[in-house]
Amino acid sequence: MVSTHERLRDLVGDLWNKYTRHEFVERLRNGSLPMDVFRYYLIQDTKYVREMQKAVIKAASKAPLNEAIDILTAVFSNVERGGAEVHERLFHDLSITEDEVNNTGGFNLVNYAYTKHLHYYASLGWPQFLAAWAPCMWGGYYEIGKYVVGTGNSIFNAWAEFYASNDYWSRVEAILRTLDKCGGNAGHGEGV
């Protein structure tokens, strides 16, 4: 039997591969991405992670208690809080300050759209939120991390090693397991 998360992934077809093998990803992997572009990405990603965490908490308030605890524990249980650990190390290596994150404008258009997307689905309900969030955590971080890890660029590799790690996979696995419990309800809602 095909799981809900596999069924949803199959529904997007080749878009999944275009997403996880985008030119940005290929350039991370081969080390040719300009460092200023990665630096900008990292600042935007930090803004995204902070908004994503708010959306997770908002959505979890609508979840069955055991599912909310499972997800919140997986994502927030360690000191590192879901990606901040790799950001802190890379911020140091790239001389990015907290002031720079807070004072270099807002979200870029894509980041703005996706964070609004997450907040919208968090307001609809738990299954809908999981279906909207899982592709980012699974494909956008884990699958891309696995693909990029081993690159010759130490900065890009440090980023990829975290997202390809067993620790990070345990977070993704909790999301996918919970999404699978939701079954057919995960695809209900406008735009899912």
N, C-alpha and C. Protein backbone atom coordinates (compact mmCIF):
# COMPACT_ATOMS: atom_id res chain seq x y z
N MET A 1 0.84 -1.18 0.00
CA MET A 1 0.00 0.00 0.00
C MET A 1 0.89 1.25 0.00
N VAL A 2 0.53 2.21 -0.82
CA VAL A 2 1.30 3.44 -0.95
C VAL A 2 0.92 4.39 0.18
N SER A 3 1.92 4.95 0.85
CA SER A 3 1.66 5.89 1.94
C SER A 3 1.13 7.21 1.40
N THR A 4 0.53 7.97 2.29
CA THR A 4 0.00 9.28 1.90
C THR A 4 1.11 10.18 1.37
N HIS A 5 2.26 10.20 2.06
CA HIS A 5 3.33 11.10 1.61
C HIS A 5 3.89 10.67 0.25
N GLU A 6 3.95 9.38 0.00
CA GLU A 6 4.42 8.92 -1.32
C GLU A 6 3.38 9.25 -2.40
N ARG A 7 2.10 9.11 -2.06
CA ARG A 7 1.04 9.44 -3.01
C ARG A 7 1.08 10.93 -3.37
N LEU A 8 1.25 11.77 -2.36
CA LEU A 8 1.32 13.21 -2.62
C LEU A 8 2.56 13.56 -3.45
N ARG A 9 3.67 12.90 -3.16
CA ARG A 9 4.88 13.14 -3.95
C ARG A 9 4.66 12.72 -5.40
N ASP A 10 4.03 11.58 -5.60
CA ASP A 10 3.76 11.10 -6.96
C ASP A 10 2.85 12.05 -7.73
N LEU A 11 1.94 12.71 -7.03
CA LEU A 11 1.02 13.64 -7.68
C LEU A 11 1.73 14.83 -8.33
N VAL A 12 2.88 15.21 -7.80
CA VAL A 12 3.59 16.36 -8.38
C VAL A 12 4.51 15.95 -9.53
N GLY A 13 4.69 14.65 -9.72
CA GLY A 13 5.47 14.15 -10.85
C GLY A 13 6.87 14.70 -10.90
N ASP A 14 7.27 15.16 -12.08
CA ASP A 14 8.63 15.61 -12.31
C ASP A 14 8.95 16.93 -11.61
N LEU A 15 7.95 17.63 -11.11
CA LEU A 15 8.22 18.87 -10.37
C LEU A 15 9.12 18.61 -9.17
N TRP A 16 8.98 17.43 -8.56
CA TRP A 16 9.83 17.08 -7.41
C TRP A 16 11.30 17.10 -7.81
N ASN A 17 11.61 16.48 -8.94
CA ASN A 17 13.01 16.45 -9.40
C ASN A 17 13.49 17.83 -9.82
N LYS A 18 12.63 18.62 -10.43
CA LYS A 18 13.02 19.99 -10.80
C LYS A 18 13.32 20.81 -9.55
N TYR A 19 12.59 20.54 -8.49
CA TYR A 19 12.76 21.23 -7.22
C TYR A 19 14.05 20.80 -6.53
N THR A 20 14.28 19.51 -6.43
CA THR A 20 15.44 19.01 -5.70
C THR A 20 16.73 19.01 -6.52
N ARG A 21 16.62 19.30 -7.82
CA ARG A 21 17.82 19.37 -8.67
C ARG A 21 17.89 20.70 -9.43
N HIS A 22 17.31 21.71 -8.83
CA HIS A 22 17.31 23.07 -9.38
C HIS A 22 18.75 23.53 -9.61
N GLU A 23 18.94 24.50 -10.48
CA GLU A 23 20.28 25.03 -10.77
C GLU A 23 21.00 25.48 -9.49
N PHE A 24 20.28 26.10 -8.58
CA PHE A 24 20.86 26.51 -7.29
C PHE A 24 21.46 25.29 -6.58
N VAL A 25 20.72 24.20 -6.55
CA VAL A 25 21.17 22.97 -5.89
C VAL A 25 22.39 22.39 -6.62
N GLU A 26 22.32 22.34 -7.93
CA GLU A 26 23.45 21.82 -8.71
C GLU A 26 24.72 22.63 -8.45
N ARG A 27 24.56 23.94 -8.33
CA ARG A 27 25.72 24.80 -8.10
C ARG A 27 26.23 24.67 -6.66
N LEU A 28 25.34 24.38 -5.71
CA LEU A 28 25.80 24.04 -4.36
C LEU A 28 26.66 22.78 -4.43
N ARG A 29 26.14 21.80 -5.14
CA ARG A 29 26.81 20.50 -5.21
C ARG A 29 28.18 20.60 -5.89
N ASN A 30 28.26 21.34 -6.99
CA ASN A 30 29.55 21.40 -7.69
C ASN A 30 30.43 22.54 -7.17
N GLY A 31 29.93 23.29 -6.19
CA GLY A 31 30.74 24.33 -5.55
C GLY A 31 30.82 25.63 -6.30
N SER A 32 30.07 25.79 -7.39
CA SER A 32 30.18 27.00 -8.21
C SER A 32 29.21 28.12 -7.82
N LEU A 33 28.35 27.88 -6.82
CA LEU A 33 27.43 28.92 -6.40
C LEU A 33 28.23 30.06 -5.78
N PRO A 34 28.03 31.30 -6.24
CA PRO A 34 28.76 32.42 -5.64
C PRO A 34 28.44 32.53 -4.14
N MET A 35 29.44 32.80 -3.33
CA MET A 35 29.24 32.85 -1.89
C MET A 35 28.26 33.94 -1.47
N ASP A 36 28.21 35.06 -2.21
CA ASP A 36 27.26 36.11 -1.85
C ASP A 36 25.81 35.63 -2.08
N VAL A 37 25.61 34.76 -3.05
CA VAL A 37 24.28 34.20 -3.30
C VAL A 37 23.90 33.25 -2.16
N PHE A 38 24.84 32.42 -1.72
CA PHE A 38 24.58 31.52 -0.61
C PHE A 38 24.33 32.30 0.67
N ARG A 39 25.08 33.34 0.87
CA ARG A 39 24.94 34.21 2.04
C ARG A 39 23.52 34.80 2.07
N TYR A 40 23.07 35.32 0.93
CA TYR A 40 21.71 35.87 0.82
C TYR A 40 20.67 34.78 1.11
N TYR A 41 20.88 33.59 0.54
CA TYR A 41 19.98 32.47 0.79
C TYR A 41 19.91 32.19 2.29
N LEU A 42 21.05 32.15 2.95
CA LEU A 42 21.10 31.81 4.37
C LEU A 42 20.34 32.83 5.22
N ILE A 43 20.47 34.10 4.87
CA ILE A 43 19.73 35.15 5.59
C ILE A 43 18.23 34.95 5.37
N GLN A 44 17.82 34.73 4.13
CA GLN A 44 16.40 34.50 3.84
C GLN A 44 15.91 33.22 4.51
N ASP A 45 16.73 32.19 4.52
CA ASP A 45 16.34 30.92 5.12
C ASP A 45 16.14 31.08 6.62
N THR A 46 16.96 31.88 7.25
CA THR A 46 16.79 32.14 8.68
C THR A 46 15.45 32.80 8.94
N LYS A 47 15.10 33.76 8.11
CA LYS A 47 13.80 34.41 8.24
C LYS A 47 12.67 33.39 8.04
N TYR A 48 12.86 32.51 7.06
CA TYR A 48 11.87 31.47 6.79
C TYR A 48 11.71 30.55 8.00
N VAL A 49 12.83 30.04 8.54
CA VAL A 49 12.77 29.08 9.65
C VAL A 49 12.01 29.68 10.82
N ARG A 50 12.23 30.93 11.10
CA ARG A 50 11.53 31.58 12.22
C ARG A 50 10.02 31.63 11.98
N GLU A 51 9.61 31.95 10.77
CA GLU A 51 8.18 31.97 10.45
C GLU A 51 7.60 30.57 10.39
N MET A 52 8.38 29.63 9.86
CA MET A 52 7.93 28.24 9.80
C MET A 52 7.66 27.72 11.21
N GLN A 53 8.53 28.04 12.15
CA GLN A 53 8.33 27.58 13.52
C GLN A 53 7.03 28.13 14.10
N LYS A 54 6.72 29.38 13.82
CA LYS A 54 5.45 29.96 14.28
C LYS A 54 4.26 29.23 13.65
N ALA A 55 4.37 28.91 12.37
CA ALA A 55 3.29 28.20 11.69
C ALA A 55 3.11 26.79 12.25
N VAL A 56 4.21 26.12 12.58
CA VAL A 56 4.12 24.77 13.18
C VAL A 56 3.35 24.84 14.49
N ILE A 57 3.68 25.80 15.31
CA ILE A 57 3.00 25.94 16.60
C ILE A 57 1.52 26.26 16.39
N LYS A 58 1.22 27.13 15.46
CA LYS A 58 -0.17 27.48 15.15
C LYS A 58 -0.94 26.24 14.69
N ALA A 59 -0.34 25.47 13.78
CA ALA A 59 -1.00 24.27 13.25
C ALA A 59 -1.14 23.21 14.34
N ALA A 60 -0.12 23.07 15.17
CA ALA A 60 -0.15 22.05 16.23
C ALA A 60 -1.28 22.31 17.22
N SER A 61 -1.69 23.56 17.34
CA SER A 61 -2.81 23.87 18.25
C SER A 61 -4.11 23.26 17.75
N LYS A 62 -4.17 22.84 16.50
CA LYS A 62 -5.36 22.23 15.91
C LYS A 62 -5.23 20.71 15.80
N ALA A 63 -4.10 20.18 16.25
CA ALA A 63 -3.80 18.76 16.07
C ALA A 63 -4.25 17.93 17.27
N PRO A 64 -4.46 16.63 17.03
CA PRO A 64 -4.63 15.73 18.17
C PRO A 64 -3.39 15.84 19.05
N LEU A 65 -3.55 15.82 20.35
CA LEU A 65 -2.47 16.07 21.29
C LEU A 65 -1.25 15.18 21.04
N ASN A 66 -1.46 13.87 20.86
CA ASN A 66 -0.32 12.97 20.67
C ASN A 66 0.46 13.30 19.39
N GLU A 67 -0.22 13.71 18.34
CA GLU A 67 0.45 14.07 17.09
C GLU A 67 1.20 15.39 17.25
N ALA A 68 0.59 16.34 17.92
CA ALA A 68 1.25 17.63 18.15
C ALA A 68 2.52 17.43 18.96
N ILE A 69 2.43 16.63 20.01
CA ILE A 69 3.60 16.38 20.86
C ILE A 69 4.69 15.70 20.06
N ASP A 70 4.34 14.72 19.23
CA ASP A 70 5.33 14.01 18.41
C ASP A 70 6.09 14.99 17.49
N ILE A 71 5.36 15.84 16.80
CA ILE A 71 5.98 16.80 15.88
C ILE A 71 6.78 17.85 16.64
N LEU A 72 6.18 18.45 17.65
CA LEU A 72 6.87 19.50 18.39
C LEU A 72 8.13 18.96 19.07
N THR A 73 8.08 17.75 19.57
CA THR A 73 9.26 17.14 20.17
C THR A 73 10.33 16.90 19.12
N ALA A 74 9.94 16.37 17.98
CA ALA A 74 10.92 16.10 16.92
C ALA A 74 11.59 17.38 16.42
N VAL A 75 10.83 18.43 16.28
CA VAL A 75 11.36 19.66 15.69
C VAL A 75 12.04 20.56 16.72
N PHE A 76 11.51 20.61 17.94
CA PHE A 76 12.01 21.58 18.91
C PHE A 76 12.71 20.97 20.12
N SER A 77 12.88 19.66 20.18
CA SER A 77 13.35 19.03 21.42
C SER A 77 14.80 19.30 21.76
N ASN A 78 15.62 19.59 20.76
CA ASN A 78 17.02 19.83 21.10
C ASN A 78 17.32 21.32 21.11
N VAL A 79 18.46 21.65 21.64
CA VAL A 79 18.87 23.05 21.78
C VAL A 79 18.90 23.73 20.42
N GLU A 80 19.15 22.96 19.39
CA GLU A 80 19.39 23.54 18.07
C GLU A 80 18.14 24.04 17.37
N ARG A 81 16.95 23.60 17.77
CA ARG A 81 15.70 24.13 17.25
C ARG A 81 15.51 24.06 15.74
N GLY A 82 15.78 22.96 15.14
CA GLY A 82 15.36 22.75 13.76
C GLY A 82 16.12 23.47 12.68
N GLY A 83 17.41 23.54 12.76
CA GLY A 83 18.18 24.14 11.68
C GLY A 83 19.02 25.31 12.14
N ALA A 84 18.69 25.88 13.29
CA ALA A 84 19.43 27.05 13.77
C ALA A 84 20.89 26.70 14.03
N GLU A 85 21.16 25.44 14.39
CA GLU A 85 22.54 25.06 14.70
C GLU A 85 23.46 25.22 13.52
N VAL A 86 23.03 24.80 12.36
CA VAL A 86 23.88 24.95 11.18
C VAL A 86 23.96 26.41 10.78
N HIS A 87 22.88 27.14 10.96
CA HIS A 87 22.89 28.57 10.64
C HIS A 87 23.90 29.32 11.52
N GLU A 88 23.92 29.03 12.82
CA GLU A 88 24.85 29.71 13.72
C GLU A 88 26.29 29.49 13.30
N ARG A 89 26.63 28.27 12.96
CA ARG A 89 28.00 27.98 12.52
C ARG A 89 28.32 28.72 11.22
N LEU A 90 27.41 28.67 10.27
CA LEU A 90 27.65 29.32 8.98
C LEU A 90 27.62 30.84 9.11
N PHE A 91 26.80 31.36 10.01
CA PHE A 91 26.80 32.80 10.26
C PHE A 91 28.19 33.24 10.71
N HIS A 92 28.77 32.47 11.58
CA HIS A 92 30.12 32.80 12.04
C HIS A 92 31.11 32.75 10.89
N ASP A 93 31.07 31.67 10.12
CA ASP A 93 32.00 31.50 9.00
C ASP A 93 31.83 32.57 7.92
N LEU A 94 30.61 33.06 7.73
CA LEU A 94 30.33 34.05 6.68
C LEU A 94 30.17 35.47 7.23
N SER A 95 30.46 35.65 8.51
CA SER A 95 30.36 36.96 9.17
C SER A 95 28.98 37.60 9.00
N ILE A 96 27.94 36.79 9.18
CA ILE A 96 26.56 37.30 9.16
C ILE A 96 26.17 37.59 10.60
N THR A 97 25.64 38.77 10.83
CA THR A 97 25.22 39.14 12.18
C THR A 97 23.70 39.09 12.29
N GLU A 98 23.23 39.01 13.52
CA GLU A 98 21.79 39.04 13.78
C GLU A 98 21.20 40.37 13.29
N ASP A 99 21.93 41.44 13.46
CA ASP A 99 21.46 42.74 12.95
C ASP A 99 21.27 42.69 11.44
N GLU A 100 22.17 42.02 10.75
CA GLU A 100 22.04 41.91 9.29
C GLU A 100 20.77 41.16 8.91
N VAL A 101 20.47 40.09 9.64
CA VAL A 101 19.25 39.32 9.38
C VAL A 101 18.02 40.19 9.62
N ASN A 102 18.03 40.92 10.72
CA ASN A 102 16.86 41.71 11.11
C ASN A 102 16.71 43.01 10.34
N ASN A 103 17.79 43.52 9.77
CA ASN A 103 17.75 44.86 9.18
C ASN A 103 18.09 44.91 7.70
N THR A 104 18.04 43.79 7.00
CA THR A 104 18.34 43.81 5.56
C THR A 104 17.08 43.61 4.73
N GLY A 105 16.06 44.29 5.10
CA GLY A 105 14.81 44.16 4.35
C GLY A 105 14.03 42.96 4.81
N GLY A 106 12.90 42.77 4.18
CA GLY A 106 12.02 41.68 4.56
C GLY A 106 12.31 40.42 3.77
N PHE A 107 11.27 39.66 3.62
CA PHE A 107 11.35 38.43 2.87
C PHE A 107 11.43 38.73 1.38
N ASN A 108 12.16 37.90 0.64
CA ASN A 108 12.06 38.02 -0.82
C ASN A 108 10.69 37.46 -1.22
N LEU A 109 10.33 37.63 -2.47
CA LEU A 109 8.98 37.28 -2.91
C LEU A 109 8.66 35.80 -2.71
N VAL A 110 9.57 34.92 -3.04
CA VAL A 110 9.33 33.48 -2.90
C VAL A 110 9.19 33.11 -1.43
N ASN A 111 10.07 33.63 -0.61
CA ASN A 111 10.03 33.35 0.82
C ASN A 111 8.72 33.88 1.43
N TYR A 112 8.34 35.07 1.04
CA TYR A 112 7.09 35.66 1.51
C TYR A 112 5.91 34.76 1.13
N ALA A 113 5.88 34.34 -0.12
CA ALA A 113 4.77 33.51 -0.60
C ALA A 113 4.69 32.18 0.15
N TYR A 114 5.84 31.54 0.37
CA TYR A 114 5.81 30.24 1.03
C TYR A 114 5.45 30.37 2.51
N THR A 115 5.96 31.39 3.19
CA THR A 115 5.59 31.53 4.60
C THR A 115 4.11 31.86 4.74
N LYS A 116 3.57 32.66 3.83
CA LYS A 116 2.12 32.94 3.87
C LYS A 116 1.33 31.66 3.57
N HIS A 117 1.84 30.86 2.66
CA HIS A 117 1.25 29.55 2.33
C HIS A 117 1.17 28.69 3.59
N LEU A 118 2.27 28.61 4.34
CA LEU A 118 2.28 27.79 5.56
C LEU A 118 1.29 28.33 6.59
N HIS A 119 1.28 29.63 6.78
CA HIS A 119 0.35 30.20 7.77
C HIS A 119 -1.11 29.98 7.34
N TYR A 120 -1.37 30.09 6.06
CA TYR A 120 -2.73 29.84 5.57
C TYR A 120 -3.16 28.40 5.88
N TYR A 121 -2.29 27.44 5.54
CA TYR A 121 -2.65 26.05 5.78
C TYR A 121 -2.67 25.71 7.27
N ALA A 122 -1.88 26.39 8.06
CA ALA A 122 -1.94 26.20 9.51
C ALA A 122 -3.29 26.65 10.04
N SER A 123 -3.88 27.66 9.41
CA SER A 123 -5.20 28.13 9.85
C SER A 123 -6.31 27.19 9.38
N LEU A 124 -6.08 26.44 8.30
CA LEU A 124 -7.10 25.50 7.81
C LEU A 124 -7.21 24.27 8.70
N GLY A 125 -6.07 23.71 9.06
CA GLY A 125 -6.10 22.51 9.88
C GLY A 125 -4.79 21.76 9.84
N TRP A 126 -4.69 20.81 10.73
CA TRP A 126 -3.47 20.03 10.91
C TRP A 126 -3.09 19.21 9.68
N PRO A 127 -3.98 18.39 9.12
CA PRO A 127 -3.59 17.59 7.95
C PRO A 127 -3.18 18.47 6.77
N GLN A 128 -3.91 19.54 6.56
CA GLN A 128 -3.59 20.44 5.45
C GLN A 128 -2.22 21.08 5.64
N PHE A 129 -1.93 21.48 6.88
CA PHE A 129 -0.62 22.07 7.16
C PHE A 129 0.49 21.05 6.90
N LEU A 130 0.32 19.84 7.37
CA LEU A 130 1.36 18.82 7.16
C LEU A 130 1.62 18.59 5.67
N ALA A 131 0.56 18.57 4.87
CA ALA A 131 0.72 18.38 3.43
C ALA A 131 1.45 19.56 2.80
N ALA A 132 1.25 20.76 3.32
CA ALA A 132 1.91 21.95 2.79
C ALA A 132 3.36 22.06 3.26
N TRP A 133 3.65 21.55 4.44
CA TRP A 133 4.97 21.69 5.07
C TRP A 133 5.93 20.57 4.71
N ALA A 134 5.43 19.37 4.56
CA ALA A 134 6.30 18.19 4.34
C ALA A 134 7.24 18.33 3.15
N PRO A 135 6.80 18.86 2.00
CA PRO A 135 7.73 18.95 0.87
C PRO A 135 8.97 19.78 1.17
N CYS A 136 8.83 20.81 1.96
CA CYS A 136 9.98 21.65 2.30
C CYS A 136 10.97 20.86 3.17
N MET A 137 10.46 20.26 4.21
CA MET A 137 11.33 19.55 5.15
C MET A 137 11.94 18.30 4.52
N TRP A 138 11.16 17.61 3.72
CA TRP A 138 11.58 16.35 3.10
C TRP A 138 12.43 16.60 1.87
N GLY A 139 11.89 17.33 0.91
CA GLY A 139 12.60 17.56 -0.35
C GLY A 139 13.54 18.74 -0.30
N GLY A 140 13.03 19.85 0.23
CA GLY A 140 13.78 21.09 0.22
C GLY A 140 15.01 21.09 1.10
N TYR A 141 14.99 20.30 2.15
CA TYR A 141 16.16 20.23 3.02
C TYR A 141 16.80 18.83 2.97
N TYR A 142 16.03 17.80 3.35
CA TYR A 142 16.65 16.47 3.47
C TYR A 142 17.16 15.93 2.14
N GLU A 143 16.31 15.87 1.14
CA GLU A 143 16.74 15.31 -0.16
C GLU A 143 17.86 16.14 -0.78
N ILE A 144 17.74 17.45 -0.69
CA ILE A 144 18.79 18.31 -1.24
C ILE A 144 20.07 18.17 -0.42
N GLY A 145 19.95 18.11 0.88
CA GLY A 145 21.13 17.89 1.72
C GLY A 145 21.86 16.61 1.34
N LYS A 146 21.10 15.53 1.17
CA LYS A 146 21.73 14.25 0.77
C LYS A 146 22.44 14.37 -0.58
N TYR A 147 21.85 15.12 -1.48
CA TYR A 147 22.41 15.28 -2.83
C TYR A 147 23.68 16.13 -2.81
N VAL A 148 23.70 17.15 -1.97
CA VAL A 148 24.82 18.10 -1.95
C VAL A 148 25.98 17.61 -1.07
N VAL A 149 25.68 16.82 -0.04
CA VAL A 149 26.74 16.40 0.89
C VAL A 149 27.89 15.74 0.12
N GLY A 150 29.09 16.11 0.52
CA GLY A 150 30.28 15.62 -0.18
C GLY A 150 30.86 16.62 -1.15
N THR A 151 30.18 17.77 -1.31
CA THR A 151 30.71 18.81 -2.19
C THR A 151 32.08 19.26 -1.66
N GLY A 152 32.91 19.74 -2.54
CA GLY A 152 34.24 20.19 -2.15
C GLY A 152 34.26 21.52 -1.41
N ASN A 153 33.15 22.25 -1.43
CA ASN A 153 33.07 23.53 -0.74
C ASN A 153 32.70 23.27 0.73
N SER A 154 33.58 23.63 1.65
CA SER A 154 33.36 23.30 3.06
C SER A 154 32.14 24.00 3.66
N ILE A 155 31.84 25.20 3.20
CA ILE A 155 30.66 25.93 3.70
C ILE A 155 29.38 25.21 3.24
N PHE A 156 29.31 24.90 1.95
CA PHE A 156 28.12 24.22 1.42
C PHE A 156 28.00 22.82 2.03
N ASN A 157 29.13 22.17 2.24
CA ASN A 157 29.10 20.82 2.79
C ASN A 157 28.62 20.83 4.24
N ALA A 158 29.02 21.84 5.03
CA ALA A 158 28.56 21.94 6.41
C ALA A 158 27.03 22.07 6.44
N TRP A 159 26.50 22.88 5.54
CA TRP A 159 25.05 23.03 5.43
C TRP A 159 24.42 21.68 5.08
N ALA A 160 24.95 21.02 4.05
CA ALA A 160 24.38 19.76 3.57
C ALA A 160 24.50 18.65 4.60
N GLU A 161 25.60 18.60 5.33
CA GLU A 161 25.79 17.53 6.32
C GLU A 161 24.69 17.54 7.38
N PHE A 162 24.31 18.74 7.81
CA PHE A 162 23.23 18.80 8.80
C PHE A 162 21.93 18.25 8.21
N TYR A 163 21.56 18.73 7.03
CA TYR A 163 20.27 18.33 6.46
C TYR A 163 20.25 16.89 5.96
N ALA A 164 21.40 16.31 5.73
CA ALA A 164 21.48 14.90 5.33
C ALA A 164 21.66 13.98 6.54
N SER A 165 21.71 14.55 7.73
CA SER A 165 22.02 13.77 8.94
C SER A 165 20.84 12.91 9.40
N ASN A 166 21.16 11.91 10.19
CA ASN A 166 20.14 11.06 10.81
C ASN A 166 19.27 11.88 11.76
N ASP A 167 19.88 12.85 12.45
CA ASP A 167 19.13 13.70 13.36
C ASP A 167 18.05 14.46 12.60
N TYR A 168 18.42 15.04 11.48
CA TYR A 168 17.43 15.78 10.71
C TYR A 168 16.39 14.82 10.11
N TRP A 169 16.84 13.67 9.63
CA TRP A 169 15.89 12.69 9.07
C TRP A 169 14.84 12.30 10.11
N SER A 170 15.23 12.19 11.39
CA SER A 170 14.25 11.83 12.42
C SER A 170 13.14 12.88 12.51
N ARG A 171 13.46 14.13 12.25
CA ARG A 171 12.45 15.19 12.23
C ARG A 171 11.50 15.01 11.03
N VAL A 172 12.10 14.77 9.88
CA VAL A 172 11.30 14.56 8.66
C VAL A 172 10.43 13.33 8.81
N GLU A 173 11.00 12.28 9.34
CA GLU A 173 10.27 11.03 9.52
C GLU A 173 9.04 11.22 10.42
N ALA A 174 9.18 12.02 11.47
CA ALA A 174 8.04 12.29 12.35
C ALA A 174 6.93 13.02 11.58
N ILE A 175 7.32 13.96 10.72
CA ILE A 175 6.33 14.69 9.91
C ILE A 175 5.64 13.74 8.94
N LEU A 176 6.42 12.93 8.24
CA LEU A 176 5.85 12.01 7.25
C LEU A 176 4.96 10.96 7.92
N ARG A 177 5.39 10.46 9.06
CA ARG A 177 4.60 9.46 9.80
C ARG A 177 3.25 10.07 10.21
N THR A 178 3.28 11.30 10.69
CA THR A 178 2.05 11.96 11.11
C THR A 178 1.17 12.28 9.91
N LEU A 179 1.78 12.73 8.82
CA LEU A 179 1.04 12.98 7.58
C LEU A 179 0.34 11.70 7.12
N ASP A 180 1.04 10.57 7.19
CA ASP A 180 0.46 9.29 6.79
C ASP A 180 -0.73 8.91 7.66
N LYS A 181 -0.68 9.25 8.95
CA LYS A 181 -1.81 8.98 9.85
C LYS A 181 -3.05 9.76 9.42
N CYS A 182 -2.82 10.94 8.86
CA CYS A 182 -3.94 11.78 8.42
C CYS A 182 -4.62 11.21 7.18
N GLY A 183 -3.89 10.40 6.43
CA GLY A 183 -4.44 9.75 5.25
C GLY A 183 -5.04 10.71 4.26
N GLY A 184 -6.24 10.41 3.84
CA GLY A 184 -6.92 11.19 2.80
C GLY A 184 -7.25 12.61 3.22
N ASN A 185 -7.28 12.90 4.52
CA ASN A 185 -7.58 14.27 4.95
C ASN A 185 -6.47 15.25 4.62
N ALA A 186 -5.26 14.74 4.37
CA ALA A 186 -4.12 15.63 4.11
C ALA A 186 -4.27 16.39 2.80
N GLY A 187 -4.95 15.82 1.87
CA GLY A 187 -5.08 16.48 0.58
C GLY A 187 -6.29 17.39 0.47
N HIS A 188 -7.09 17.48 1.50
CA HIS A 188 -8.29 18.30 1.44
C HIS A 188 -7.95 19.74 1.81
N GLY A 189 -8.56 20.60 1.11
CA GLY A 189 -8.33 22.02 1.36
C GLY A 189 -7.99 22.70 0.06
N GLU A 190 -8.23 23.94 0.02
CA GLU A 190 -8.00 24.73 -1.17
C GLU A 190 -6.54 24.68 -1.59
N GLY A 191 -6.29 24.30 -2.81
CA GLY A 191 -4.93 24.35 -3.35
C GLY A 191 -4.03 23.20 -3.01
N VAL A 192 -4.49 22.22 -2.24
CA VAL A 192 -3.61 21.09 -1.90
C VAL A 192 -3.82 19.97 -2.89
